[in-house]
PDB file of N, CA and C in Angstrom:
ATOM      1  N   UNK A   1     -35.769   3.700-264.965  1.00  0.00           N
ATOM      2  CA  UNK A   1     -34.329   3.609-265.493  1.00  0.00           C
ATOM      3  C   UNK A   1     -34.285   4.736-266.747  1.00  0.00           C
ATOM      4  N   UNK A   2     -33.340   5.678-266.464  1.00  0.00           N
ATOM      5  CA  UNK A   2     -32.960   6.496-268.024  1.00  0.00           C
ATOM      6  C   UNK A   2     -31.964   5.999-269.020  1.00  0.00           C
ATOM      7  N   UNK A   3     -32.332   6.330-270.031  1.00  0.00           N
ATOM      8  CA  UNK A   3     -31.659   5.124-271.356  1.00  0.00           C
ATOM      9  C   UNK A   3     -30.402   5.946-271.654  1.00  0.00           C
ATOM     10  N   UNK A   4     -29.385   5.349-272.210  1.00  0.00           N
ATOM     11  CA  UNK A   4     -27.997   6.074-272.440  1.00  0.00           C
ATOM     12  C   UNK A   4     -27.319   6.704-271.046  1.00  0.00           C
ATOM     13  N   UNK A   5     -27.814   6.020-270.037  1.00  0.00           N
ATOM     14  CA  UNK A   5     -26.313   6.635-269.136  1.00  0.00           C
ATOM     15  C   UNK A   5     -25.845   5.768-268.147  1.00  0.00           C
ATOM     16  N   UNK A   6     -25.904   5.074-268.342  1.00  0.00           N
ATOM     17  CA  UNK A   6     -25.573   3.312-267.616  1.00  0.00           C
ATOM     18  C   UNK A   6     -24.567   3.173-268.209  1.00  0.00           C
ATOM     19  N   UNK A   7     -23.493   2.414-268.191  1.00  0.00           N
ATOM     20  CA  UNK A   7     -22.400   1.686-269.425  1.00  0.00           C
ATOM     21  C   UNK A   7     -22.778   0.085-269.112  1.00  0.00           C
ATOM     22  N   UNK A   8     -22.524  -0.071-270.539  1.00  0.00           N
ATOM     23  CA  UNK A   8     -22.592  -1.586-271.018  1.00  0.00           C
ATOM     24  C   UNK A   8     -22.050  -2.856-269.894  1.00  0.00           C
ATOM     25  N   UNK A   9     -23.015  -3.880-269.941  1.00  0.00           N
ATOM     26  CA  UNK A   9     -22.315  -4.755-268.947  1.00  0.00           C
ATOM     27  C   UNK A   9     -22.338  -5.855-269.474  1.00  0.00           C
ATOM     28  N   UNK A  10     -21.064  -6.336-269.429  1.00  0.00           N
ATOM     29  CA  UNK A  10     -20.382  -7.474-270.204  1.00  0.00           C
ATOM     30  C   UNK A  10     -20.825  -8.904-268.815  1.00  0.00           C
ATOM     31  N   UNK A  11     -21.181  -9.894-269.461  1.00  0.00           N
ATOM     32  CA  UNK A  11     -21.956 -11.063-269.247  1.00  0.00           C
ATOM     33  C   UNK A  11     -20.268 -11.671-268.820  1.00  0.00           C
ATOM     34  N   UNK A  12     -19.998 -11.643-269.905  1.00  0.00           N
ATOM     35  CA  UNK A  12     -18.429 -12.516-269.886  1.00  0.00           C
ATOM     36  C   UNK A  12     -17.089 -11.850-269.784  1.00  0.00           C
ATOM     37  N   UNK A  13     -16.561 -11.474-268.927  1.00  0.00           N
ATOM     38  CA  UNK A  13     -15.413 -10.386-268.709  1.00  0.00           C
ATOM     39  C   UNK A  13     -14.369 -11.366-267.776  1.00  0.00           C
ATOM     40  N   UNK A  14     -13.083 -11.245-268.515  1.00  0.00           N
ATOM     41  CA  UNK A  14     -11.713 -12.145-268.796  1.00  0.00           C
ATOM     42  C   UNK A  14     -11.191 -11.696-267.213  1.00  0.00           C
ATOM     43  N   UNK A  15     -10.853 -12.334-266.434  1.00  0.00           N
ATOM     44  CA  UNK A  15     -10.485 -11.653-265.377  1.00  0.00           C
ATOM     45  C   UNK A  15      -8.825 -12.607-265.068  1.00  0.00           C
ATOM     46  N   UNK A  16      -7.587 -11.821-265.330  1.00  0.00           N
ATOM     47  CA  UNK A  16      -6.486 -12.219-265.475  1.00  0.00           C
ATOM     48  C   UNK A  16      -5.652 -12.181-264.440  1.00  0.00           C
ATOM     49  N   UNK A  17      -4.788 -12.969-263.661  1.00  0.00           N
ATOM     50  CA  UNK A  17      -4.285 -12.943-262.204  1.00  0.00           C
ATOM     51  C   UNK A  17      -2.866 -12.908-262.313  1.00  0.00           C
ATOM     52  N   UNK A  18      -2.066 -12.415-261.503  1.00  0.00           N
ATOM     53  CA  UNK A  18      -0.346 -12.246-262.170  1.00  0.00           C
ATOM     54  C   UNK A  18      -0.018 -13.629-261.563  1.00  0.00           C
ATOM     55  N   UNK A  19      -0.281 -14.893-260.743  1.00  0.00           N
ATOM     56  CA  UNK A  19      -0.001 -16.099-260.767  1.00  0.00           C
ATOM     57  C   UNK A  19      -0.434 -17.319-261.923  1.00  0.00           C
ATOM     58  N   UNK A  20      -1.573 -16.552-263.120  1.00  0.00           N
ATOM     59  CA  UNK A  20      -1.721 -17.222-264.606  1.00  0.00           C
ATOM     60  C   UNK A  20      -3.079 -17.687-263.842  1.00  0.00           C
ATOM     61  N   UNK A  21      -3.907 -17.293-262.990  1.00  0.00           N
ATOM     62  CA  UNK A  21      -5.188 -17.764-263.301  1.00  0.00           C
ATOM     63  C   UNK A  21      -5.984 -16.857-263.729  1.00  0.00           C
ATOM     64  N   UNK A  22      -7.078 -17.718-264.626  1.00  0.00           N
ATOM     65  CA  UNK A  22      -8.221 -16.588-265.484  1.00  0.00           C
ATOM     66  C   UNK A  22      -9.738 -17.832-264.763  1.00  0.00           C
ATOM     67  N   UNK A  23     -10.575 -16.542-264.803  1.00  0.00           N
ATOM     68  CA  UNK A  23     -11.822 -17.241-265.223  1.00  0.00           C
ATOM     69  C   UNK A  23     -12.491 -15.643-265.281  1.00  0.00           C
ATOM     70  N   UNK A  24     -14.006 -15.866-265.718  1.00  0.00           N
ATOM     71  CA  UNK A  24     -14.880 -15.022-265.950  1.00  0.00           C
ATOM     72  C   UNK A  24     -15.964 -14.989-265.113  1.00  0.00           C
ATOM     73  N   UNK A  25     -15.751 -13.328-265.104  1.00  0.00           N
ATOM     74  CA  UNK A  25     -17.162 -13.092-264.212  1.00  0.00           C
ATOM     75  C   UNK A  25     -17.779 -11.690-265.262  1.00  0.00           C
ATOM     76  N   UNK A  26     -18.805 -11.584-264.510  1.00  0.00           N
ATOM     77  CA  UNK A  26     -19.656  -9.924-264.905  1.00  0.00           C
ATOM     78  C   UNK A  26     -19.223  -8.717-264.770  1.00  0.00           C
ATOM     79  N   UNK A  27     -19.125  -7.961-265.731  1.00  0.00           N
ATOM     80  CA  UNK A  27     -18.463  -6.445-265.300  1.00  0.00           C
ATOM     81  C   UNK A  27     -18.661  -5.498-266.115  1.00  0.00           C
ATOM     82  N   UNK A  28     -18.308  -4.015-265.919  1.00  0.00           N
ATOM     83  CA  UNK A  28     -18.811  -3.290-267.682  1.00  0.00           C
ATOM     84  C   UNK A  28     -17.120  -3.091-268.023  1.00  0.00           C
ATOM     85  N   UNK A  29     -16.225  -3.825-267.367  1.00  0.00           N
ATOM     86  CA  UNK A  29     -14.832  -3.748-268.143  1.00  0.00           C
ATOM     87  C   UNK A  29     -14.993  -4.892-269.205  1.00  0.00           C
ATOM     88  N   UNK A  30     -13.992  -5.171-270.024  1.00  0.00           N
ATOM     89  CA  UNK A  30     -14.255  -6.214-271.123  1.00  0.00           C
ATOM     90  C   UNK A  30     -13.134  -7.109-270.307  1.00  0.00           C
ATOM     91  N   UNK A  31     -11.674  -6.274-269.907  1.00  0.00           N
ATOM     92  CA  UNK A  31     -11.131  -7.297-269.042  1.00  0.00           C
ATOM     93  C   UNK A  31     -10.306  -6.639-268.166  1.00  0.00           C
ATOM     94  N   UNK A  32      -9.552  -7.724-267.433  1.00  0.00           N
ATOM     95  CA  UNK A  32      -9.404  -7.108-265.622  1.00  0.00           C
ATOM     96  C   UNK A  32      -8.176  -7.896-265.763  1.00  0.00           C
ATOM     97  N   UNK A  33      -6.936  -7.234-265.100  1.00  0.00           N
ATOM     98  CA  UNK A  33      -5.826  -7.907-264.527  1.00  0.00           C
ATOM     99  C   UNK A  33      -6.039  -7.365-262.986  1.00  0.00           C
ATOM    100  N   UNK A  34      -5.728  -8.399-261.865  1.00  0.00           N
ATOM    101  CA  UNK A  34      -5.198  -8.130-261.030  1.00  0.00           C
ATOM    102  C   UNK A  34      -4.217  -9.127-259.860  1.00  0.00           C
ATOM    103  N   UNK A  35      -3.524  -8.531-259.164  1.00  0.00           N
ATOM    104  CA  UNK A  35      -2.744  -9.200-258.497  1.00  0.00           C
ATOM    105  C   UNK A  35      -2.699 -10.112-257.403  1.00  0.00           C
ATOM    106  N   UNK A  36      -3.944 -10.642-257.005  1.00  0.00           N
ATOM    107  CA  UNK A  36      -4.488 -11.174-256.278  1.00  0.00           C
ATOM    108  C   UNK A  36      -5.502 -11.959-256.327  1.00  0.00           C
ATOM    109  N   UNK A  37      -5.685 -13.355-256.344  1.00  0.00           N
ATOM    110  CA  UNK A  37      -6.977 -13.807-257.153  1.00  0.00           C
ATOM    111  C   UNK A  37      -7.232 -15.158-255.399  1.00  0.00           C
ATOM    112  N   UNK A  38      -8.373 -15.353-255.794  1.00  0.00           N
ATOM    113  CA  UNK A  38      -8.435 -16.598-254.660  1.00  0.00           C
ATOM    114  C   UNK A  38      -7.911 -17.594-255.055  1.00  0.00           C
ATOM    115  N   UNK A  39      -6.654 -18.088-255.753  1.00  0.00           N
ATOM    116  CA  UNK A  39      -6.276 -18.988-255.781  1.00  0.00           C
ATOM    117  C   UNK A  39      -4.461 -18.554-255.192  1.00  0.00           C
ATOM    118  N   UNK A  40      -4.183 -17.663-255.401  1.00  0.00           N
ATOM    119  CA  UNK A  40      -3.141 -17.215-254.890  1.00  0.00           C
ATOM    120  C   UNK A  40      -2.894 -16.069-253.192  1.00  0.00           C
ATOM    121  N   UNK A  41      -3.957 -16.021-253.176  1.00  0.00           N
ATOM    122  CA  UNK A  41      -4.601 -15.075-251.561  1.00  0.00           C
ATOM    123  C   UNK A  41      -4.046 -15.769-250.532  1.00  0.00           C
ATOM    124  N   UNK A  42      -3.064 -15.263-249.977  1.00  0.00           N
ATOM    125  CA  UNK A  42      -2.459 -16.029-248.488  1.00  0.00           C
ATOM    126  C   UNK A  42      -3.991 -16.066-247.720  1.00  0.00           C
ATOM    127  N   UNK A  43      -4.507 -15.927-247.335  1.00  0.00           N
ATOM    128  CA  UNK A  43      -5.852 -15.908-246.426  1.00  0.00           C
ATOM    129  C   UNK A  43      -6.639 -17.106-246.916  1.00  0.00           C
ATOM    130  N   UNK A  44      -6.500 -17.010-248.394  1.00  0.00           N
ATOM    131  CA  UNK A  44      -7.641 -18.393-249.256  1.00  0.00           C
ATOM    132  C   UNK A  44      -6.975 -19.750-248.782  1.00  0.00           C
ATOM    133  N   UNK A  45      -5.361 -19.581-249.137  1.00  0.00           N
ATOM    134  CA  UNK A  45      -4.137 -20.822-249.337  1.00  0.00           C
ATOM    135  C   UNK A  45      -3.541 -21.067-248.077  1.00  0.00           C
ATOM    136  N   UNK A  46      -3.520 -20.409-246.913  1.00  0.00           N
ATOM    137  CA  UNK A  46      -2.922 -20.237-245.505  1.00  0.00           C
ATOM    138  C   UNK A  46      -1.608 -20.501-246.114  1.00  0.00           C
ATOM    139  N   UNK A  47      -0.953 -20.219-246.945  1.00  0.00           N
ATOM    140  CA  UNK A  47       0.510 -19.735-246.994  1.00  0.00           C
ATOM    141  C   UNK A  47       0.855 -17.973-247.032  1.00  0.00           C
ATOM    142  N   UNK A  48       1.652 -18.397-246.472  1.00  0.00           N
ATOM    143  CA  UNK A  48       2.455 -17.108-246.007  1.00  0.00           C
ATOM    144  C   UNK A  48       3.036 -16.553-247.800  1.00  0.00           C
ATOM    145  N   UNK A  49       2.530 -15.061-248.068  1.00  0.00           N
ATOM    146  CA  UNK A  49       3.459 -15.421-249.257  1.00  0.00           C
ATOM    147  C   UNK A  49       3.094 -13.300-249.273  1.00  0.00           C
ATOM    148  N   UNK A  50       4.835 -12.957-249.805  1.00  0.00           N
ATOM    149  CA  UNK A  50       4.619 -11.099-249.583  1.00  0.00           C
ATOM    150  C   UNK A  50       4.801 -11.067-250.924  1.00  0.00           C
ATOM    151  N   UNK A  51       3.745  -9.643-251.021  1.00  0.00           N
ATOM    152  CA  UNK A  51       3.285  -9.102-252.080  1.00  0.00           C
ATOM    153  C   UNK A  51       4.063  -7.960-251.623  1.00  0.00           C
ATOM    154  N   UNK A  52       4.702  -7.260-252.550  1.00  0.00           N
ATOM    155  CA  UNK A  52       5.675  -6.329-252.600  1.00  0.00           C
ATOM    156  C   UNK A  52       5.765  -5.657-254.643  1.00  0.00           C
ATOM    157  N   UNK A  53       5.158  -4.975-254.661  1.00  0.00           N
ATOM    158  CA  UNK A  53       5.438  -4.403-255.680  1.00  0.00           C
ATOM    159  C   UNK A  53       5.754  -3.034-256.194  1.00  0.00           C
ATOM    160  N   UNK A  54       5.884  -2.682-254.738  1.00  0.00           N
ATOM    161  CA  UNK A  54       6.687  -1.359-254.740  1.00  0.00           C
ATOM    162  C   UNK A  54       8.092  -1.013-254.091  1.00  0.00           C
ATOM    163  N   UNK A  55       8.881  -2.555-253.885  1.00  0.00           N
ATOM    164  CA  UNK A  55       9.554  -2.402-252.908  1.00  0.00           C
ATOM    165  C   UNK A  55       9.685  -2.252-251.050  1.00  0.00           C
ATOM    166  N   UNK A  56       8.364  -2.085-250.861  1.00  0.00           N
ATOM    167  CA  UNK A  56       8.264  -1.583-249.526  1.00  0.00           C
ATOM    168  C   UNK A  56       8.993  -2.250-248.792  1.00  0.00           C
ATOM    169  N   UNK A  57       9.024  -3.312-248.754  1.00  0.00           N
ATOM    170  CA  UNK A  57       9.935  -4.171-247.813  1.00  0.00           C
ATOM    171  C   UNK A  57      11.198  -3.890-247.864  1.00  0.00           C
ATOM    172  N   UNK A  58      11.864  -3.957-248.927  1.00  0.00           N
ATOM    173  CA  UNK A  58      13.225  -3.555-248.864  1.00  0.00           C
ATOM    174  C   UNK A  58      13.990  -2.310-248.476  1.00  0.00           C
ATOM    175  N   UNK A  59      12.748  -1.272-249.027  1.00  0.00           N
ATOM    176  CA  UNK A  59      13.218   0.662-248.332  1.00  0.00           C
ATOM    177  C   UNK A  59      12.639   0.439-246.902  1.00  0.00           C
ATOM    178  N   UNK A  60      12.005  -0.401-246.352  1.00  0.00           N
ATOM    179  CA  UNK A  60      12.215   0.045-244.684  1.00  0.00           C
ATOM    180  C   UNK A  60      12.980  -0.887-244.257  1.00  0.00           C
ATOM    181  N   UNK A  61      13.273  -1.869-244.380  1.00  0.00           N
ATOM    182  CA  UNK A  61      14.825  -2.158-244.006  1.00  0.00           C
ATOM    183  C   UNK A  61      16.165  -1.585-244.087  1.00  0.00           C
ATOM    184  N   UNK A  62      16.129  -0.937-245.574  1.00  0.00           N
ATOM    185  CA  UNK A  62      17.594  -0.239-245.424  1.00  0.00           C
ATOM    186  C   UNK A  62      17.421   1.253-244.524  1.00  0.00           C
ATOM    187  N   UNK A  63      15.615   1.775-244.671  1.00  0.00           N
ATOM    188  CA  UNK A  63      15.550   2.669-243.312  1.00  0.00           C
ATOM    189  C   UNK A  63      16.052   2.387-242.442  1.00  0.00           C
ATOM    190  N   UNK A  64      16.055   1.158-241.600  1.00  0.00           N
ATOM    191  CA  UNK A  64      15.953   0.946-240.403  1.00  0.00           C
ATOM    192  C   UNK A  64      17.602   0.843-239.951  1.00  0.00           C
ATOM    193  N   UNK A  65      18.100   0.118-241.048  1.00  0.00           N
ATOM    194  CA  UNK A  65      19.359  -0.429-241.359  1.00  0.00           C
ATOM    195  C   UNK A  65      20.218   1.223-240.978  1.00  0.00           C
ATOM    196  N   UNK A  66      19.881   1.913-241.659  1.00  0.00           N
ATOM    197  CA  UNK A  66      20.490   3.090-241.159  1.00  0.00           C
ATOM    198  C   UNK A  66      20.615   4.049-240.031  1.00  0.00           C
ATOM    199  N   UNK A  67      19.149   3.651-239.916  1.00  0.00           N
ATOM    200  CA  UNK A  67      18.936   4.736-238.327  1.00  0.00           C
ATOM    201  C   UNK A  67      19.741   3.341-237.292  1.00  0.00           C
ATOM    202  N   UNK A  68      20.209   2.839-237.369  1.00  0.00           N
ATOM    203  CA  UNK A  68      21.158   1.615-236.753  1.00  0.00           C
ATOM    204  C   UNK A  68      21.928   2.417-236.913  1.00  0.00           C
ATOM    205  N   UNK A  69      22.751   2.484-237.656  1.00  0.00           N
ATOM    206  CA  UNK A  69      24.044   2.617-238.327  1.00  0.00           C
ATOM    207  C   UNK A  69      24.371   4.087-236.993  1.00  0.00           C
ATOM    208  N   UNK A  70      23.347   5.033-237.636  1.00  0.00           N
ATOM    209  CA  UNK A  70      23.851   6.681-237.388  1.00  0.00           C
ATOM    210  C   UNK A  70      23.345   6.604-235.619  1.00  0.00           C
ATOM    211  N   UNK A  71      22.709   5.729-235.120  1.00  0.00           N
ATOM    212  CA  UNK A  71      22.283   5.668-233.773  1.00  0.00           C
ATOM    213  C   UNK A  71      23.409   5.169-233.160  1.00  0.00           C
ATOM    214  N   UNK A  72      24.072   4.090-233.640  1.00  0.00           N
ATOM    215  CA  UNK A  72      25.426   3.773-233.092  1.00  0.00           C
ATOM    216  C   UNK A  72      26.639   4.798-233.290  1.00  0.00           C
ATOM    217  N   UNK A  73      26.609   5.550-233.553  1.00  0.00           N
ATOM    218  CA  UNK A  73      28.018   6.920-233.930  1.00  0.00           C
ATOM    219  C   UNK A  73      27.368   7.735-233.071  1.00  0.00           C
ATOM    220  N   UNK A  74      26.315   8.459-233.136  1.00  0.00           N
ATOM    221  CA  UNK A  74      25.903   9.561-232.124  1.00  0.00           C
ATOM    222  C   UNK A  74      25.640   9.111-230.975  1.00  0.00           C
ATOM    223  N   UNK A  75      25.959   9.986-230.219  1.00  0.00           N
ATOM    224  CA  UNK A  75      26.025  10.522-228.405  1.00  0.00           C
ATOM    225  C   UNK A  75      24.424  10.488-228.428  1.00  0.00           C
ATOM    226  N   UNK A  76      24.127  10.571-227.076  1.00  0.00           N
ATOM    227  CA  UNK A  76      23.042  10.420-226.509  1.00  0.00           C
ATOM    228  C   UNK A  76      22.783  11.986-226.000  1.00  0.00           C
ATOM    229  N   UNK A  77      21.693  12.458-225.771  1.00  0.00           N
ATOM    230  CA  UNK A  77      21.519  13.845-225.055  1.00  0.00           C
ATOM    231  C   UNK A  77      21.949  13.825-223.783  1.00  0.00           C
ATOM    232  N   UNK A  78      22.052  12.929-223.163  1.00  0.00           N
ATOM    233  CA  UNK A  78      22.853  12.647-221.460  1.00  0.00           C
ATOM    234  C   UNK A  78      24.070  13.054-221.753  1.00  0.00           C
ATOM    235  N   UNK A  79      24.963  12.183-222.669  1.00  0.00           N
ATOM    236  CA  UNK A  79      26.029  12.242-222.643  1.00  0.00           C
ATOM    237  C   UNK A  79      27.070  13.504-223.087  1.00  0.00           C
ATOM    238  N   UNK A  80      25.791  14.407-224.283  1.00  0.00           N
ATOM    239  CA  UNK A  80      25.933  15.550-224.628  1.00  0.00           C
ATOM    240  C   UNK A  80      25.992  16.216-223.968  1.00  0.00           C
ATOM    241  N   UNK A  81      25.287  16.251-222.877  1.00  0.00           N
ATOM    242  CA  UNK A  81      24.963  17.548-221.551  1.00  0.00           C
ATOM    243  C   UNK A  81      26.181  17.301-220.761  1.00  0.00           C
ATOM    244  N   UNK A  82      26.542  16.186-220.718  1.00  0.00           N
ATOM    245  CA  UNK A  82      27.411  15.651-219.210  1.00  0.00           C
ATOM    246  C   UNK A  82      28.974  16.419-220.207  1.00  0.00           C
ATOM    247  N   UNK A  83      28.946  16.328-221.220  1.00  0.00           N
ATOM    248  CA  UNK A  83      30.461  16.745-221.908  1.00  0.00           C
ATOM    249  C   UNK A  83      30.004  18.065-221.910  1.00  0.00           C
ATOM    250  N   UNK A  84      29.507  18.811-222.235  1.00  0.00           N
ATOM    251  CA  UNK A  84      28.852  20.122-221.977  1.00  0.00           C
ATOM    252  C   UNK A  84      29.148  20.922-220.840  1.00  0.00           C
ATOM    253  N   UNK A  85      28.684  20.368-220.105  1.00  0.00           N
ATOM    254  CA  UNK A  85      29.068  20.641-218.321  1.00  0.00           C
ATOM    255  C   UNK A  85      30.594  20.517-218.164  1.00  0.00           C
ATOM    256  N   UNK A  86      30.949  19.298-217.825  1.00  0.00           N
ATOM    257  CA  UNK A  86      32.487  19.486-217.891  1.00  0.00           C
ATOM    258  C   UNK A  86      33.121  20.366-218.826  1.00  0.00           C
ATOM    259  N   UNK A  87      32.972  20.967-219.873  1.00  0.00           N
ATOM    260  CA  UNK A  87      34.002  21.608-220.776  1.00  0.00           C
ATOM    261  C   UNK A  87      33.567  23.142-220.342  1.00  0.00           C
ATOM    262  N   UNK A  88      32.316  23.065-219.750  1.00  0.00           N
ATOM    263  CA  UNK A  88      32.536  24.389-218.577  1.00  0.00           C
ATOM    264  C   UNK A  88      33.151  24.537-217.430  1.00  0.00           C
ATOM    265  N   UNK A  89      33.115  23.523-216.954  1.00  0.00           N
ATOM    266  CA  UNK A  89      33.443  23.434-215.602  1.00  0.00           C
ATOM    267  C   UNK A  89      34.956  23.767-215.775  1.00  0.00           C
ATOM    268  N   UNK A  90      36.035  22.866-217.029  1.00  0.00           N
ATOM    269  CA  UNK A  90      37.378  23.374-217.021  1.00  0.00           C
ATOM    270  C   UNK A  90      37.505  24.573-217.636  1.00  0.00           C
ATOM    271  N   UNK A  91      36.476  25.200-218.389  1.00  0.00           N
ATOM    272  CA  UNK A  91      36.991  26.689-218.895  1.00  0.00           C
ATOM    273  C   UNK A  91      36.864  27.604-217.468  1.00  0.00           C
ATOM    274  N   UNK A  92      36.079  27.645-216.953  1.00  0.00           N
ATOM    275  CA  UNK A  92      36.008  28.147-215.277  1.00  0.00           C
ATOM    276  C   UNK A  92      37.578  27.816-214.133  1.00  0.00           C
ATOM    277  N   UNK A  93      37.459  26.781-214.238  1.00  0.00           N
ATOM    278  CA  UNK A  93      38.812  26.136-213.428  1.00  0.00           C
ATOM    279  C   UNK A  93      40.163  26.881-214.742  1.00  0.00           C
ATOM    280  N   UNK A  94      39.837  27.348-215.768  1.00  0.00           N
ATOM    281  CA  UNK A  94      41.672  27.897-216.279  1.00  0.00           C
ATOM    282  C   UNK A  94      41.040  29.045-215.971  1.00  0.00           C
ATOM    283  N   UNK A  95      39.652  30.056-216.060  1.00  0.00           N
ATOM    284  CA  UNK A  95      39.656  31.501-215.622  1.00  0.00           C
ATOM    285  C   UNK A  95      40.350  31.481-214.657  1.00  0.00           C
ATOM    286  N   UNK A  96      39.524  30.823-213.388  1.00  0.00           N
ATOM    287  CA  UNK A  96      39.870  31.272-211.793  1.00  0.00           C
ATOM    288  C   UNK A  96      41.902  31.383-211.569  1.00  0.00           C
ATOM    289  N   UNK A  97      42.213  30.078-212.742  1.00  0.00           N
ATOM    290  CA  UNK A  97      43.883  30.015-212.436  1.00  0.00           C
ATOM    291  C   UNK A  97      45.054  31.710-212.966  1.00  0.00           C
ATOM    292  N   UNK A  98      43.676  31.793-213.902  1.00  0.00           N
ATOM    293  CA  UNK A  98      44.345  33.224-214.498  1.00  0.00           C
ATOM    294  C   UNK A  98      44.254  34.199-213.661  1.00  0.00           C
TER     295      UNK A  98
END
């Protein structure tokens, strides 16, 4: 092994979870903070827990609500084509009358 190229290894690194759990591991960092640990992770606890640090779920729900609202007010492609066809027919009838 070459000297002075490897980071210093700390045998007692303190890991702190967002749930408040603390434990020690070996790492090149002195302290580590994590969002999930074995005490609060849904896979290990068997409880469904929604972790949304960036408001992703709320943003998705808002986006879907906006889409459904606009979909209710808009006409479909078939309705638009039918309305255009009816308009053309009316214009043709008016021109024939003149």
